[in-house]
Amino acid sequence: MSGHVSGKLISDPLMTESTRRRLTERQADTVRRLTDAAVEELRESSFDGLTVRNVARRAGVAPATAYTYFASKNHLITEVFWRRLSSLPPVEPDEDPPADRVVAVLREIALLVSDEPMLAAACTTAMLGTDPDVQELRLRIGVAIRHRLRDALGKDADPKILAALEMIYAGALVQAGMGYTSYAAIADQLAEVARLILTSSPA
């Protein structure tokens, strides 16, 4: 899944923006190295053992420099999820029924970190953090997911249906992060519940 980040060109606007400020290409490359190193670090340890200092060492970045971009490990890991979400292609209108489009959107979001259990658990924990930078990214993530769902539902999307879909995704994320089920299983469950909501709603 790391290709979602490392495969992007540094000139991409998503790669030149951080929670705190807009970045030059050189700064964006530093942030990319830090986020990639964070994923590598999690593959060898756990979220409890992860530190910004260790990630900086792996990325070849001075710890003081790393902290100018990321206030905490929660901020760093939430940035990883945000970048993967942001790199998904836009939801384009097509001839598929809205239910099929919504299921596709929920499934691709749920599977962003599904093949990396340590990263998946870390993302859930990190995104529940209370520091301001995490809160800002969490807001961006929520808005991005809402937009993707709204685009999938179509221009006449019912706000109540949209809110219900957001709620089931948030609940599924917490369940997966707490280890109750896998992200792959969550993707299937989200699909079932989304179809139930959409088929039960008034025409």
Protein backbone atom coordinates (compact mmCIF):
# COMPACT_ATOMS: atom_id res chain seq x y z
CA MET A 1 0.00 0.00 0.00
CA SER A 2 2.95 2.36 0.35
CA GLY A 3 2.73 3.03 -3.38
CA HIS A 4 -0.19 5.32 -2.58
CA VAL A 5 2.39 7.76 -1.23
CA SER A 6 5.78 6.97 -2.68
CA GLY A 7 4.40 6.57 -6.20
CA LYS A 8 3.19 10.18 -6.29
CA LEU A 9 5.27 12.94 -7.82
CA ILE A 10 6.69 15.44 -5.37
CA SER A 11 5.14 18.24 -7.43
CA ASP A 12 1.64 16.92 -6.67
CA PRO A 13 -0.24 19.45 -4.48
CA LEU A 14 -0.97 16.68 -1.96
CA MET A 15 2.74 16.21 -1.50
CA THR A 16 3.43 19.90 -0.90
CA GLU A 17 0.95 20.48 1.88
CA SER A 18 1.10 19.55 5.55
CA THR A 19 -1.15 20.17 8.51
CA ARG A 20 0.94 23.15 9.53
CA ARG A 21 2.02 24.91 6.35
CA ARG A 22 2.54 24.68 2.63
CA LEU A 23 5.84 23.03 1.76
CA THR A 24 8.58 23.52 -0.78
CA GLU A 25 9.52 20.48 -2.85
CA ARG A 26 12.52 19.82 -0.61
CA GLN A 27 10.38 20.03 2.53
CA ALA A 28 7.74 17.83 0.91
CA ASP A 29 10.41 15.23 0.21
CA THR A 30 11.39 15.29 3.89
CA VAL A 31 7.77 14.74 4.92
CA ARG A 32 7.45 11.88 2.43
CA ARG A 33 10.59 10.24 3.81
CA LEU A 34 9.24 10.55 7.34
CA THR A 35 5.84 9.06 6.50
CA ASP A 36 7.43 6.22 4.54
CA ALA A 37 9.85 5.58 7.41
CA ALA A 38 6.95 5.51 9.88
CA VAL A 39 5.31 2.69 7.92
CA GLU A 40 8.61 0.78 7.80
CA GLU A 41 9.11 1.29 11.54
CA LEU A 42 5.65 -0.12 12.29
CA ARG A 43 6.43 -3.22 10.25
CA GLU A 44 9.25 -4.01 12.66
CA SER A 45 7.78 -2.88 15.96
CA SER A 46 4.48 -1.71 17.42
CA PHE A 47 2.70 1.58 17.75
CA ASP A 48 3.55 1.65 21.46
CA GLY A 49 7.25 1.42 20.60
CA LEU A 50 7.12 3.95 17.79
CA THR A 51 8.64 7.39 18.36
CA VAL A 52 9.14 10.38 16.11
CA ARG A 53 12.84 10.21 16.99
CA ASN A 54 13.16 6.59 15.76
CA VAL A 55 11.27 7.40 12.59
CA ALA A 56 13.55 10.39 11.98
CA ARG A 57 16.62 8.21 12.39
CA ARG A 58 15.29 5.70 9.85
CA ALA A 59 14.45 8.51 7.43
CA GLY A 60 17.87 10.11 7.81
CA VAL A 61 16.32 13.27 9.22
CA ALA A 62 17.40 15.16 12.33
CA PRO A 63 14.87 14.66 15.18
CA ALA A 64 14.54 18.42 15.63
CA THR A 65 13.64 18.72 11.94
CA ALA A 66 11.08 15.91 12.20
CA TYR A 67 9.37 17.66 15.08
CA THR A 68 8.96 20.81 13.00
CA TYR A 69 6.63 18.79 10.76
CA PHE A 70 5.03 16.36 13.23
CA ALA A 71 4.17 17.23 16.81
CA SER A 72 3.65 13.62 17.86
CA LYS A 73 3.52 10.07 16.60
CA ASN A 74 -0.28 10.38 16.46
CA HIS A 75 0.13 13.30 14.08
CA LEU A 76 2.64 11.38 11.97
CA ILE A 77 0.53 8.24 11.60
CA THR A 78 -2.65 10.20 10.94
CA GLU A 79 -0.75 11.95 8.15
CA VAL A 80 0.06 8.53 6.65
CA PHE A 81 -3.65 7.68 6.50
CA TRP A 82 -4.56 11.11 5.16
CA ARG A 83 -2.05 10.83 2.32
CA ARG A 84 -3.30 7.41 1.31
CA LEU A 85 -6.89 8.61 1.35
CA SER A 86 -5.98 11.76 -0.60
CA SER A 87 -4.20 9.76 -3.29
CA LEU A 88 -7.34 7.81 -4.22
CA PRO A 89 -8.72 8.75 -7.63
CA PRO A 90 -11.85 10.94 -7.71
CA VAL A 91 -15.25 9.27 -7.62
CA GLU A 92 -16.48 9.67 -11.18
CA PRO A 93 -20.16 9.47 -12.20
CA ASP A 94 -20.99 6.32 -14.12
CA GLU A 95 -23.93 4.11 -14.99
CA ASP A 96 -23.69 1.90 -11.90
CA PRO A 97 -26.50 2.15 -9.33
CA PRO A 98 -25.72 4.49 -6.39
CA ALA A 99 -25.58 1.52 -4.01
CA ASP A 100 -22.78 -0.05 -6.05
CA ARG A 101 -20.85 3.21 -6.13
CA VAL A 102 -21.22 3.71 -2.37
CA VAL A 103 -20.09 0.16 -1.66
CA ALA A 104 -17.03 0.69 -3.85
CA VAL A 105 -16.14 3.90 -1.98
CA LEU A 106 -16.54 2.33 1.47
CA ARG A 107 -14.59 -0.73 0.44
CA GLU A 108 -11.61 1.18 -0.96
CA ILE A 109 -11.39 3.33 2.19
CA ALA A 110 -11.64 0.33 4.50
CA LEU A 111 -8.92 -1.47 2.55
CA LEU A 112 -6.42 1.43 2.55
CA VAL A 113 -4.42 -0.19 5.35
CA SER A 114 -5.97 -3.66 5.41
CA ASP A 115 -2.83 -5.51 4.32
CA GLU A 116 -0.73 -4.00 7.14
CA PRO A 117 -2.32 -4.90 10.51
CA MET A 118 0.15 -2.93 12.62
CA LEU A 119 -0.38 0.19 10.55
CA ALA A 120 -4.15 -0.32 10.57
CA ALA A 121 -4.26 -0.52 14.37
CA ALA A 122 -1.89 2.44 14.66
CA CYS A 123 -4.05 4.57 12.37
CA THR A 124 -7.16 3.96 14.47
CA THR A 125 -5.35 4.82 17.69
CA ALA A 126 -3.62 7.84 16.20
CA MET A 127 -6.75 9.33 14.67
CA LEU A 128 -8.43 9.33 18.08
CA GLY A 129 -5.66 11.58 19.43
CA THR A 130 -6.53 14.93 20.97
CA ASP A 131 -3.63 17.12 19.84
CA PRO A 132 -4.62 19.99 17.52
CA ASP A 133 -2.72 18.71 14.47
CA VAL A 134 -4.51 15.35 14.69
CA GLN A 135 -7.85 17.11 15.11
CA GLU A 136 -7.16 19.15 11.97
CA LEU A 137 -6.25 16.07 9.95
CA ARG A 138 -9.23 14.16 11.33
CA LEU A 139 -11.47 16.97 10.09
CA ARG A 140 -9.87 16.79 6.64
CA ILE A 141 -10.28 13.02 6.57
CA GLY A 142 -13.94 13.28 7.56
CA VAL A 143 -14.64 15.91 4.92
CA ALA A 144 -12.86 13.88 2.23
CA ILE A 145 -14.85 10.74 3.09
CA ARG A 146 -18.10 12.73 3.12
CA HIS A 147 -17.33 14.14 -0.32
CA ARG A 148 -16.53 10.71 -1.73
CA LEU A 149 -19.76 9.27 -0.36
CA ARG A 150 -21.77 12.23 -1.60
CA ASP A 151 -20.26 11.90 -5.06
CA ALA A 152 -21.12 8.21 -5.05
CA LEU A 153 -24.72 8.87 -4.01
CA GLY A 154 -25.20 11.52 -6.67
CA LYS A 155 -26.26 15.15 -6.70
CA ASP A 156 -29.61 14.46 -5.02
CA ALA A 157 -28.05 12.65 -2.06
CA ASP A 158 -30.26 12.55 1.03
CA PRO A 159 -28.30 14.20 3.90
CA LYS A 160 -29.70 11.65 6.36
CA ILE A 161 -28.48 8.75 4.25
CA LEU A 162 -25.10 10.41 3.90
CA ALA A 163 -24.87 10.89 7.68
CA ALA A 164 -25.83 7.25 8.29
CA LEU A 165 -23.11 6.03 5.92
CA GLU A 166 -20.54 8.21 7.66
CA MET A 167 -21.61 6.78 11.01
CA ILE A 168 -21.28 3.16 9.95
CA TYR A 169 -17.83 3.82 8.55
CA ALA A 170 -16.68 5.50 11.78
CA GLY A 171 -18.04 2.63 13.87
CA ALA A 172 -16.43 0.05 11.62
CA LEU A 173 -13.08 1.81 11.88
CA VAL A 174 -13.19 1.70 15.67
CA GLN A 175 -14.19 -1.98 15.71
CA ALA A 176 -11.34 -2.93 13.40
CA GLY A 177 -8.86 -0.83 15.34
CA MET A 178 -9.86 -2.50 18.61
CA GLY A 179 -9.15 -5.88 17.07
CA TYR A 180 -12.73 -7.14 17.03
CA THR A 181 -12.45 -7.98 13.35
CA SER A 182 -10.14 -7.48 10.38
CA TYR A 183 -10.25 -4.58 7.98
CA ALA A 184 -10.99 -7.02 5.16
CA ALA A 185 -14.02 -8.32 7.06
CA ILE A 186 -15.05 -4.75 7.85
CA ALA A 187 -15.07 -3.97 4.13
CA ASP A 188 -17.58 -6.78 3.53
CA GLN A 189 -19.73 -5.75 6.50
CA LEU A 190 -19.76 -2.14 5.38
CA ALA A 191 -20.96 -3.25 1.96
CA GLU A 192 -23.83 -5.24 3.50
CA VAL A 193 -24.95 -2.44 5.82
CA ALA A 194 -24.67 0.21 3.12
CA ARG A 195 -26.90 -1.82 0.80
CA LEU A 196 -29.38 -2.34 3.63
CA ILE A 197 -29.53 1.41 4.30
CA LEU A 198 -29.87 2.33 0.65
CA THR A 199 -32.46 -0.29 -0.23
CA SER A 200 -34.53 0.53 2.87
CA SER A 201 -34.58 4.28 2.22
CA PRO A 202 -37.63 5.84 0.53
CA ALA A 203 -37.31 6.30 -3.20
